[in-house]
Amino acid sequence: MRQAPEFFEDAELELIFIAKKLKEALRIEEALTDAGIEYVVEPDTYRGGIIFVSERIGAFFYVAPGTSPRAKDVLRTHRYKPYEV
C-alpha cells in the first residue's frame, strides 16, 4: 500500500524500481498494493537514452529494507526487472 515517506520515519528506504512511463508505474502500484507491500513512490530524474542521452522524469519506488526481497519477487512475478545497484 502506498505510504507517505514519513510513514517509514528514519528508515533508510531501498530503491526497487524506476518506472519510465505512467502506465508502467500504475501497474507496479497495483501489484505492490495487491501483495500488501508498503511502499513510497516519488518522481525523480534519471538519465536515459543511448544515442541522445537526456534527463527524464520517472516514478521511483522505495520499500523498507526488510521488505525488499519480497517486493522484488512481486516485480519479477509481474515480469519487471527490479533495480539493482
PDB file of N, CA and C in Angstrom:
ATOM      1  N   MET A   1       0.831  -1.163   0.000  1.00  0.00           N
ATOM      2  CA  MET A   1       0.000   0.000   0.000  1.00  0.00           C
ATOM      3  C   MET A   1       0.882   1.235   0.000  1.00  0.00           C
ATOM      4  N   ARG A   2       0.493   2.185  -0.797  1.00  0.00           N
ATOM      5  CA  ARG A   2       1.269   3.414  -0.925  1.00  0.00           C
ATOM      6  C   ARG A   2       1.245   4.194   0.383  1.00  0.00           C
ATOM      7  N   GLN A   3       2.408   4.659   0.787  1.00  0.00           N
ATOM      8  CA  GLN A   3       2.548   5.409   2.030  1.00  0.00           C
ATOM      9  C   GLN A   3       3.313   6.699   1.769  1.00  0.00           C
ATOM     10  N   ALA A   4       3.176   7.642   2.675  1.00  0.00           N
ATOM     11  CA  ALA A   4       3.982   8.860   2.632  1.00  0.00           C
ATOM     12  C   ALA A   4       5.361   8.534   3.188  1.00  0.00           C
ATOM     13  N   PRO A   5       6.402   9.245   2.777  1.00  0.00           N
ATOM     14  CA  PRO A   5       7.750   8.956   3.296  1.00  0.00           C
ATOM     15  C   PRO A   5       7.836   9.016   4.828  1.00  0.00           C
ATOM     16  N   GLU A   6       7.026   9.866   5.450  1.00  0.00           N
ATOM     17  CA  GLU A   6       7.037   9.998   6.907  1.00  0.00           C
ATOM     18  C   GLU A   6       6.613   8.713   7.612  1.00  0.00           C
ATOM     19  N   PHE A   7       5.843   7.876   6.929  1.00  0.00           N
ATOM     20  CA  PHE A   7       5.377   6.616   7.497  1.00  0.00           C
ATOM     21  C   PHE A   7       6.554   5.741   7.928  1.00  0.00           C
ATOM     22  N   PHE A   8       7.644   5.810   7.184  1.00  0.00           N
ATOM     23  CA  PHE A   8       8.805   4.970   7.451  1.00  0.00           C
ATOM     24  C   PHE A   8       9.790   5.619   8.427  1.00  0.00           C
ATOM     25  N   GLU A   9       9.440   6.811   8.921  1.00  0.00           N
ATOM     26  CA  GLU A   9      10.246   7.569   9.880  1.00  0.00           C
ATOM     27  C   GLU A   9      11.667   7.739   9.365  1.00  0.00           C
ATOM     28  N   ASP A  10      12.663   7.279  10.137  1.00  0.00           N
ATOM     29  CA  ASP A  10      14.067   7.483   9.769  1.00  0.00           C
ATOM     30  C   ASP A  10      14.681   6.279   9.063  1.00  0.00           C
ATOM     31  N   ALA A  11      13.866   5.327   8.658  1.00  0.00           N
ATOM     32  CA  ALA A  11      14.391   4.121   8.000  1.00  0.00           C
ATOM     33  C   ALA A  11      15.014   4.490   6.655  1.00  0.00           C
ATOM     34  N   GLU A  12      16.111   3.848   6.329  1.00  0.00           N
ATOM     35  CA  GLU A  12      16.774   4.029   5.044  1.00  0.00           C
ATOM     36  C   GLU A  12      16.034   3.184   4.009  1.00  0.00           C
ATOM     37  N   LEU A  13      15.278   3.826   3.136  1.00  0.00           N
ATOM     38  CA  LEU A  13      14.469   3.096   2.157  1.00  0.00           C
ATOM     39  C   LEU A  13      15.337   2.609   1.001  1.00  0.00           C
ATOM     40  N   GLU A  14      14.920   1.503   0.404  1.00  0.00           N
ATOM     41  CA  GLU A  14      15.671   0.894  -0.695  1.00  0.00           C
ATOM     42  C   GLU A  14      14.911   1.062  -2.007  1.00  0.00           C
ATOM     43  N   LEU A  15      15.611   1.536  -3.020  1.00  0.00           N
ATOM     44  CA  LEU A  15      15.035   1.699  -4.349  1.00  0.00           C
ATOM     45  C   LEU A  15      14.873   0.321  -4.992  1.00  0.00           C
ATOM     46  N   ILE A  16      13.639   0.009  -5.436  1.00  0.00           N
ATOM     47  CA  ILE A  16      13.421  -1.303  -6.049  1.00  0.00           C
ATOM     48  C   ILE A  16      13.068  -1.216  -7.531  1.00  0.00           C
ATOM     49  N   PHE A  17      12.590  -0.035  -7.983  1.00  0.00           N
ATOM     50  CA  PHE A  17      12.192   0.058  -9.386  1.00  0.00           C
ATOM     51  C   PHE A  17      12.076   1.516  -9.810  1.00  0.00           C
ATOM     52  N   ILE A  18      12.417   1.781 -11.075  1.00  0.00           N
ATOM     53  CA  ILE A  18      12.213   3.093 -11.684  1.00  0.00           C
ATOM     54  C   ILE A  18      11.283   2.898 -12.870  1.00  0.00           C
ATOM     55  N   ALA A  19      10.055   3.393 -12.738  1.00  0.00           N
ATOM     56  CA  ALA A  19       9.083   3.299 -13.834  1.00  0.00           C
ATOM     57  C   ALA A  19       9.290   4.486 -14.768  1.00  0.00           C
ATOM     58  N   LYS A  20       9.436   4.196 -16.031  1.00  0.00           N
ATOM     59  CA  LYS A  20       9.713   5.238 -17.010  1.00  0.00           C
ATOM     60  C   LYS A  20       8.443   5.786 -17.662  1.00  0.00           C
ATOM     61  N   LYS A  21       7.334   5.070 -17.516  1.00  0.00           N
ATOM     62  CA  LYS A  21       6.065   5.502 -18.110  1.00  0.00           C
ATOM     63  C   LYS A  21       4.967   5.410 -17.057  1.00  0.00           C
ATOM     64  N   LEU A  22       3.967   6.267 -17.192  1.00  0.00           N
ATOM     65  CA  LEU A  22       2.864   6.299 -16.235  1.00  0.00           C
ATOM     66  C   LEU A  22       2.129   4.964 -16.168  1.00  0.00           C
ATOM     67  N   LYS A  23       1.868   4.378 -17.307  1.00  0.00           N
ATOM     68  CA  LYS A  23       1.151   3.099 -17.360  1.00  0.00           C
ATOM     69  C   LYS A  23       1.904   2.019 -16.577  1.00  0.00           C
ATOM     70  N   GLU A  24       3.216   2.008 -16.739  1.00  0.00           N
ATOM     71  CA  GLU A  24       4.070   1.057 -16.025  1.00  0.00           C
ATOM     72  C   GLU A  24       4.014   1.322 -14.516  1.00  0.00           C
ATOM     73  N   ALA A  25       4.074   2.582 -14.117  1.00  0.00           N
ATOM     74  CA  ALA A  25       4.021   2.947 -12.699  1.00  0.00           C
ATOM     75  C   ALA A  25       2.703   2.505 -12.068  1.00  0.00           C
ATOM     76  N   LEU A  26       1.615   2.683 -12.786  1.00  0.00           N
ATOM     77  CA  LEU A  26       0.303   2.280 -12.266  1.00  0.00           C
ATOM     78  C   LEU A  26       0.217   0.769 -12.080  1.00  0.00           C
ATOM     79  N   ARG A  27       0.805   0.012 -12.994  1.00  0.00           N
ATOM     80  CA  ARG A  27       0.810  -1.452 -12.866  1.00  0.00           C
ATOM     81  C   ARG A  27       1.644  -1.897 -11.663  1.00  0.00           C
ATOM     82  N   ILE A  28       2.790  -1.238 -11.462  1.00  0.00           N
ATOM     83  CA  ILE A  28       3.650  -1.571 -10.321  1.00  0.00           C
ATOM     84  C   ILE A  28       2.913  -1.266  -9.022  1.00  0.00           C
ATOM     85  N   GLU A  29       2.257  -0.106  -8.954  1.00  0.00           N
ATOM     86  CA  GLU A  29       1.492   0.247  -7.755  1.00  0.00           C
ATOM     87  C   GLU A  29       0.424  -0.802  -7.462  1.00  0.00           C
ATOM     88  N   GLU A  30      -0.278  -1.230  -8.482  1.00  0.00           N
ATOM     89  CA  GLU A  30      -1.326  -2.231  -8.303  1.00  0.00           C
ATOM     90  C   GLU A  30      -0.745  -3.559  -7.804  1.00  0.00           C
ATOM     91  N   ALA A  31       0.370  -3.976  -8.380  1.00  0.00           N
ATOM     92  CA  ALA A  31       0.987  -5.244  -7.986  1.00  0.00           C
ATOM     93  C   ALA A  31       1.460  -5.196  -6.535  1.00  0.00           C
ATOM     94  N   LEU A  32       2.120  -4.106  -6.144  1.00  0.00           N
ATOM     95  CA  LEU A  32       2.613  -3.992  -4.775  1.00  0.00           C
ATOM     96  C   LEU A  32       1.462  -3.884  -3.773  1.00  0.00           C
ATOM     97  N   THR A  33       0.423  -3.143  -4.124  1.00  0.00           N
ATOM     98  CA  THR A  33      -0.742  -2.999  -3.249  1.00  0.00           C
ATOM     99  C   THR A  33      -1.453  -4.341  -3.080  1.00  0.00           C
ATOM    100  N   ASP A  34      -1.653  -5.070  -4.175  1.00  0.00           N
ATOM    101  CA  ASP A  34      -2.306  -6.381  -4.110  1.00  0.00           C
ATOM    102  C   ASP A  34      -1.519  -7.356  -3.239  1.00  0.00           C
ATOM    103  N   ALA A  35      -0.182  -7.206  -3.219  1.00  0.00           N
ATOM    104  CA  ALA A  35       0.672  -8.084  -2.418  1.00  0.00           C
ATOM    105  C   ALA A  35       0.765  -7.616  -0.963  1.00  0.00           C
ATOM    106  N   GLY A  36       0.170  -6.467  -0.649  1.00  0.00           N
ATOM    107  CA  GLY A  36       0.186  -5.962   0.723  1.00  0.00           C
ATOM    108  C   GLY A  36       1.530  -5.361   1.132  1.00  0.00           C
ATOM    109  N   ILE A  37       2.299  -4.901   0.165  1.00  0.00           N
ATOM    110  CA  ILE A  37       3.614  -4.327   0.450  1.00  0.00           C
ATOM    111  C   ILE A  37       3.478  -2.813   0.584  1.00  0.00           C
ATOM    112  N   GLU A  38       4.048  -2.270   1.665  1.00  0.00           N
ATOM    113  CA  GLU A  38       4.040  -0.827   1.871  1.00  0.00           C
ATOM    114  C   GLU A  38       5.221  -0.223   1.132  1.00  0.00           C
ATOM    115  N   TYR A  39       4.968   0.828   0.372  1.00  0.00           N
ATOM    116  CA  TYR A  39       5.994   1.424  -0.466  1.00  0.00           C
ATOM    117  C   TYR A  39       5.793   2.930  -0.562  1.00  0.00           C
ATOM    118  N   VAL A  40       6.822   3.608  -1.035  1.00  0.00           N
ATOM    119  CA  VAL A  40       6.773   5.038  -1.326  1.00  0.00           C
ATOM    120  C   VAL A  40       7.099   5.181  -2.802  1.00  0.00           C
ATOM    121  N   VAL A  41       6.366   6.047  -3.481  1.00  0.00           N
ATOM    122  CA  VAL A  41       6.676   6.346  -4.881  1.00  0.00           C
ATOM    123  C   VAL A  41       6.855   7.853  -4.996  1.00  0.00           C
ATOM    124  N   GLU A  42       7.968   8.257  -5.613  1.00  0.00           N
ATOM    125  CA  GLU A  42       8.271   9.677  -5.763  1.00  0.00           C
ATOM    126  C   GLU A  42       8.797   9.946  -7.172  1.00  0.00           C
ATOM    127  N   PRO A  43       8.451  11.091  -7.735  1.00  0.00           N
ATOM    128  CA  PRO A  43       9.025  11.447  -9.036  1.00  0.00           C
ATOM    129  C   PRO A  43      10.473  11.915  -8.843  1.00  0.00           C
ATOM    130  N   ASP A  44      11.323  11.573  -9.782  1.00  0.00           N
ATOM    131  CA  ASP A  44      12.719  11.998  -9.743  1.00  0.00           C
ATOM    132  C   ASP A  44      13.277  11.900 -11.155  1.00  0.00           C
ATOM    133  N   THR A  45      14.469  12.388 -11.370  1.00  0.00           N
ATOM    134  CA  THR A  45      15.069  12.355 -12.702  1.00  0.00           C
ATOM    135  C   THR A  45      16.066  11.215 -12.818  1.00  0.00           C
ATOM    136  N   TYR A  46      16.186  10.710 -14.021  1.00  0.00           N
ATOM    137  CA  TYR A  46      17.173   9.683 -14.348  1.00  0.00           C
ATOM    138  C   TYR A  46      17.716  10.002 -15.737  1.00  0.00           C
ATOM    139  N   ARG A  47      18.861   9.447 -16.061  1.00  0.00           N
ATOM    140  CA  ARG A  47      19.455   9.651 -17.386  1.00  0.00           C
ATOM    141  C   ARG A  47      19.068   8.476 -18.273  1.00  0.00           C
ATOM    142  N   GLY A  48      18.513   8.789 -19.447  1.00  0.00           N
ATOM    143  CA  GLY A  48      18.071   7.741 -20.352  1.00  0.00           C
ATOM    144  C   GLY A  48      18.472   8.032 -21.783  1.00  0.00           C
ATOM    145  N   GLY A  49      18.427   7.001 -22.592  1.00  0.00           N
ATOM    146  CA  GLY A  49      18.773   7.132 -23.997  1.00  0.00           C
ATOM    147  C   GLY A  49      20.162   6.579 -24.267  1.00  0.00           C
ATOM    148  N   ILE A  50      20.388   6.168 -25.493  1.00  0.00           N
ATOM    149  CA  ILE A  50      21.691   5.622 -25.874  1.00  0.00           C
ATOM    150  C   ILE A  50      22.426   6.627 -26.755  1.00  0.00           C
ATOM    151  N   ILE A  51      21.808   7.028 -27.829  1.00  0.00           N
ATOM    152  CA  ILE A  51      22.434   7.995 -28.725  1.00  0.00           C
ATOM    153  C   ILE A  51      22.181   9.416 -28.228  1.00  0.00           C
ATOM    154  N   PHE A  52      20.928   9.719 -27.927  1.00  0.00           N
ATOM    155  CA  PHE A  52      20.552  11.040 -27.426  1.00  0.00           C
ATOM    156  C   PHE A  52      20.258  10.933 -25.935  1.00  0.00           C
ATOM    157  N   VAL A  53      21.290  11.003 -25.135  1.00  0.00           N
ATOM    158  CA  VAL A  53      21.148  10.885 -23.680  1.00  0.00           C
ATOM    159  C   VAL A  53      20.530  12.172 -23.146  1.00  0.00           C
ATOM    160  N   SER A  54      19.530  12.012 -22.283  1.00  0.00           N
ATOM    161  CA  SER A  54      18.878  13.175 -21.690  1.00  0.00           C
ATOM    162  C   SER A  54      18.360  12.813 -20.301  1.00  0.00           C
ATOM    163  N   GLU A  55      18.046  13.849 -19.531  1.00  0.00           N
ATOM    164  CA  GLU A  55      17.429  13.624 -18.230  1.00  0.00           C
ATOM    165  C   GLU A  55      15.932  13.500 -18.422  1.00  0.00           C
ATOM    166  N   ARG A  56      15.356  12.513 -17.775  1.00  0.00           N
ATOM    167  CA  ARG A  56      13.924  12.253 -17.882  1.00  0.00           C
ATOM    168  C   ARG A  56      13.354  12.108 -16.481  1.00  0.00           C
ATOM    169  N   ILE A  57      12.048  12.179 -16.367  1.00  0.00           N
ATOM    170  CA  ILE A  57      11.392  12.028 -15.067  1.00  0.00           C
ATOM    171  C   ILE A  57      10.716  10.666 -15.011  1.00  0.00           C
ATOM    172  N   GLY A  58      10.913   9.972 -13.907  1.00  0.00           N
ATOM    173  CA  GLY A  58      10.301   8.669 -13.711  1.00  0.00           C
ATOM    174  C   GLY A  58       9.718   8.548 -12.314  1.00  0.00           C
ATOM    175  N   ALA A  59       9.018   7.461 -12.074  1.00  0.00           N
ATOM    176  CA  ALA A  59       8.447   7.169 -10.761  1.00  0.00           C
ATOM    177  C   ALA A  59       9.392   6.194 -10.055  1.00  0.00           C
ATOM    178  N   PHE A  60       9.982   6.636  -8.956  1.00  0.00           N
ATOM    179  CA  PHE A  60      10.933   5.834  -8.204  1.00  0.00           C
ATOM    180  C   PHE A  60      10.194   5.158  -7.054  1.00  0.00           C
ATOM    181  N   PHE A  61      10.276   3.827  -6.991  1.00  0.00           N
ATOM    182  CA  PHE A  61       9.594   3.042  -5.964  1.00  0.00           C
ATOM    183  C   PHE A  61      10.584   2.615  -4.890  1.00  0.00           C
ATOM    184  N   TYR A  62      10.235   2.897  -3.638  1.00  0.00           N
ATOM    185  CA  TYR A  62      11.091   2.573  -2.493  1.00  0.00           C
ATOM    186  C   TYR A  62      10.311   1.718  -1.496  1.00  0.00           C
ATOM    187  N   VAL A  63      11.020   0.804  -0.821  1.00  0.00           N
ATOM    188  CA  VAL A  63      10.440  -0.002   0.258  1.00  0.00           C
ATOM    189  C   VAL A  63      11.428  -0.061   1.419  1.00  0.00           C
ATOM    190  N   ALA A  64      10.936  -0.493   2.571  1.00  0.00           N
ATOM    191  CA  ALA A  64      11.814  -0.709   3.723  1.00  0.00           C
ATOM    192  C   ALA A  64      12.750  -1.873   3.400  1.00  0.00           C
ATOM    193  N   PRO A  65      13.998  -1.839   3.888  1.00  0.00           N
ATOM    194  CA  PRO A  65      14.966  -2.895   3.558  1.00  0.00           C
ATOM    195  C   PRO A  65      14.480  -4.319   3.848  1.00  0.00           C
ATOM    196  N   GLY A  66      13.751  -4.539   4.916  1.00  0.00           N
ATOM    197  CA  GLY A  66      13.259  -5.870   5.244  1.00  0.00           C
ATOM    198  C   GLY A  66      12.216  -6.388   4.268  1.00  0.00           C
ATOM    199  N   THR A  67      11.568  -5.484   3.566  1.00  0.00           N
ATOM    200  CA  THR A  67      10.519  -5.839   2.611  1.00  0.00           C
ATOM    201  C   THR A  67      11.066  -6.030   1.203  1.00  0.00           C
ATOM    202  N   SER A  68      12.280  -5.582   0.975  1.00  0.00           N
ATOM    203  CA  SER A  68      12.872  -5.569  -0.357  1.00  0.00           C
ATOM    204  C   SER A  68      12.856  -6.913  -1.089  1.00  0.00           C
ATOM    205  N   PRO A  69      13.308  -8.015  -0.478  1.00  0.00           N
ATOM    206  CA  PRO A  69      13.295  -9.293  -1.219  1.00  0.00           C
ATOM    207  C   PRO A  69      11.899  -9.697  -1.690  1.00  0.00           C
ATOM    208  N   ARG A  70      10.911  -9.522  -0.833  1.00  0.00           N
ATOM    209  CA  ARG A  70       9.536  -9.884  -1.195  1.00  0.00           C
ATOM    210  C   ARG A  70       9.006  -8.972  -2.301  1.00  0.00           C
ATOM    211  N   ALA A  71       9.301  -7.676  -2.200  1.00  0.00           N
ATOM    212  CA  ALA A  71       8.846  -6.721  -3.212  1.00  0.00           C
ATOM    213  C   ALA A  71       9.474  -7.032  -4.568  1.00  0.00           C
ATOM    214  N   LYS A  72      10.752  -7.374  -4.571  1.00  0.00           N
ATOM    215  CA  LYS A  72      11.429  -7.716  -5.820  1.00  0.00           C
ATOM    216  C   LYS A  72      10.866  -8.994  -6.423  1.00  0.00           C
ATOM    217  N   ASP A  73      10.466  -9.950  -5.578  1.00  0.00           N
ATOM    218  CA  ASP A  73       9.824 -11.167  -6.081  1.00  0.00           C
ATOM    219  C   ASP A  73       8.493 -10.841  -6.763  1.00  0.00           C
ATOM    220  N   VAL A  74       7.739  -9.910  -6.168  1.00  0.00           N
ATOM    221  CA  VAL A  74       6.469  -9.485  -6.770  1.00  0.00           C
ATOM    222  C   VAL A  74       6.732  -8.866  -8.139  1.00  0.00           C
ATOM    223  N   LEU A  75       7.761  -8.026  -8.235  1.00  0.00           N
ATOM    224  CA  LEU A  75       8.095  -7.415  -9.524  1.00  0.00           C
ATOM    225  C   LEU A  75       8.451  -8.474 -10.557  1.00  0.00           C
ATOM    226  N   ARG A  76       9.277  -9.430 -10.159  1.00  0.00           N
ATOM    227  CA  ARG A  76       9.673 -10.500 -11.096  1.00  0.00           C
ATOM    228  C   ARG A  76       8.468 -11.321 -11.537  1.00  0.00           C
ATOM    229  N   THR A  77       7.545 -11.584 -10.618  1.00  0.00           N
ATOM    230  CA  THR A  77       6.334 -12.339 -10.931  1.00  0.00           C
ATOM    231  C   THR A  77       5.526 -11.624 -12.028  1.00  0.00           C
ATOM    232  N   HIS A  78       5.554 -10.295 -11.997  1.00  0.00           N
ATOM    233  CA  HIS A  78       4.829  -9.495 -12.984  1.00  0.00           C
ATOM    234  C   HIS A  78       5.717  -9.098 -14.175  1.00  0.00           C
ATOM    235  N   ARG A  79       6.846  -9.790 -14.309  1.00  0.00           N
ATOM    236  CA  ARG A  79       7.771  -9.633 -15.434  1.00  0.00           C
ATOM    237  C   ARG A  79       8.435  -8.264 -15.516  1.00  0.00           C
ATOM    238  N   TYR A  80       8.748  -7.703 -14.351  1.00  0.00           N
ATOM    239  CA  TYR A  80       9.529  -6.477 -14.280  1.00  0.00           C
ATOM    240  C   TYR A  80      10.877  -6.804 -13.669  1.00  0.00           C
ATOM    241  N   LYS A  81      11.900  -6.104 -14.119  1.00  0.00           N
ATOM    242  CA  LYS A  81      13.241  -6.334 -13.604  1.00  0.00           C
ATOM    243  C   LYS A  81      13.509  -5.324 -12.485  1.00  0.00           C
ATOM    244  N   PRO A  82      13.688  -5.805 -11.240  1.00  0.00           N
ATOM    245  CA  PRO A  82      13.946  -4.888 -10.120  1.00  0.00           C
ATOM    246  C   PRO A  82      15.253  -4.131 -10.316  1.00  0.00           C
ATOM    247  N   TYR A  83      15.319  -2.962  -9.718  1.00  0.00           N
ATOM    248  CA  TYR A  83      16.524  -2.133  -9.773  1.00  0.00           C
ATOM    249  C   TYR A  83      17.631  -2.805  -8.958  1.00  0.00           C
ATOM    250  N   GLU A  84      18.805  -2.902  -9.535  1.00  0.00           N
ATOM    251  CA  GLU A  84      19.977  -3.436  -8.845  1.00  0.00           C
ATOM    252  C   GLU A  84      21.082  -2.395  -8.921  1.00  0.00           C
ATOM    253  N   VAL A  85      21.813  -2.233  -7.838  1.00  0.00           N
ATOM    254  CA  VAL A  85      22.901  -1.244  -7.766  1.00  0.00           C
ATOM    255  C   VAL A  85      24.029  -1.650  -8.679  1.00  0.00           C
TER     256      VAL A  85
END
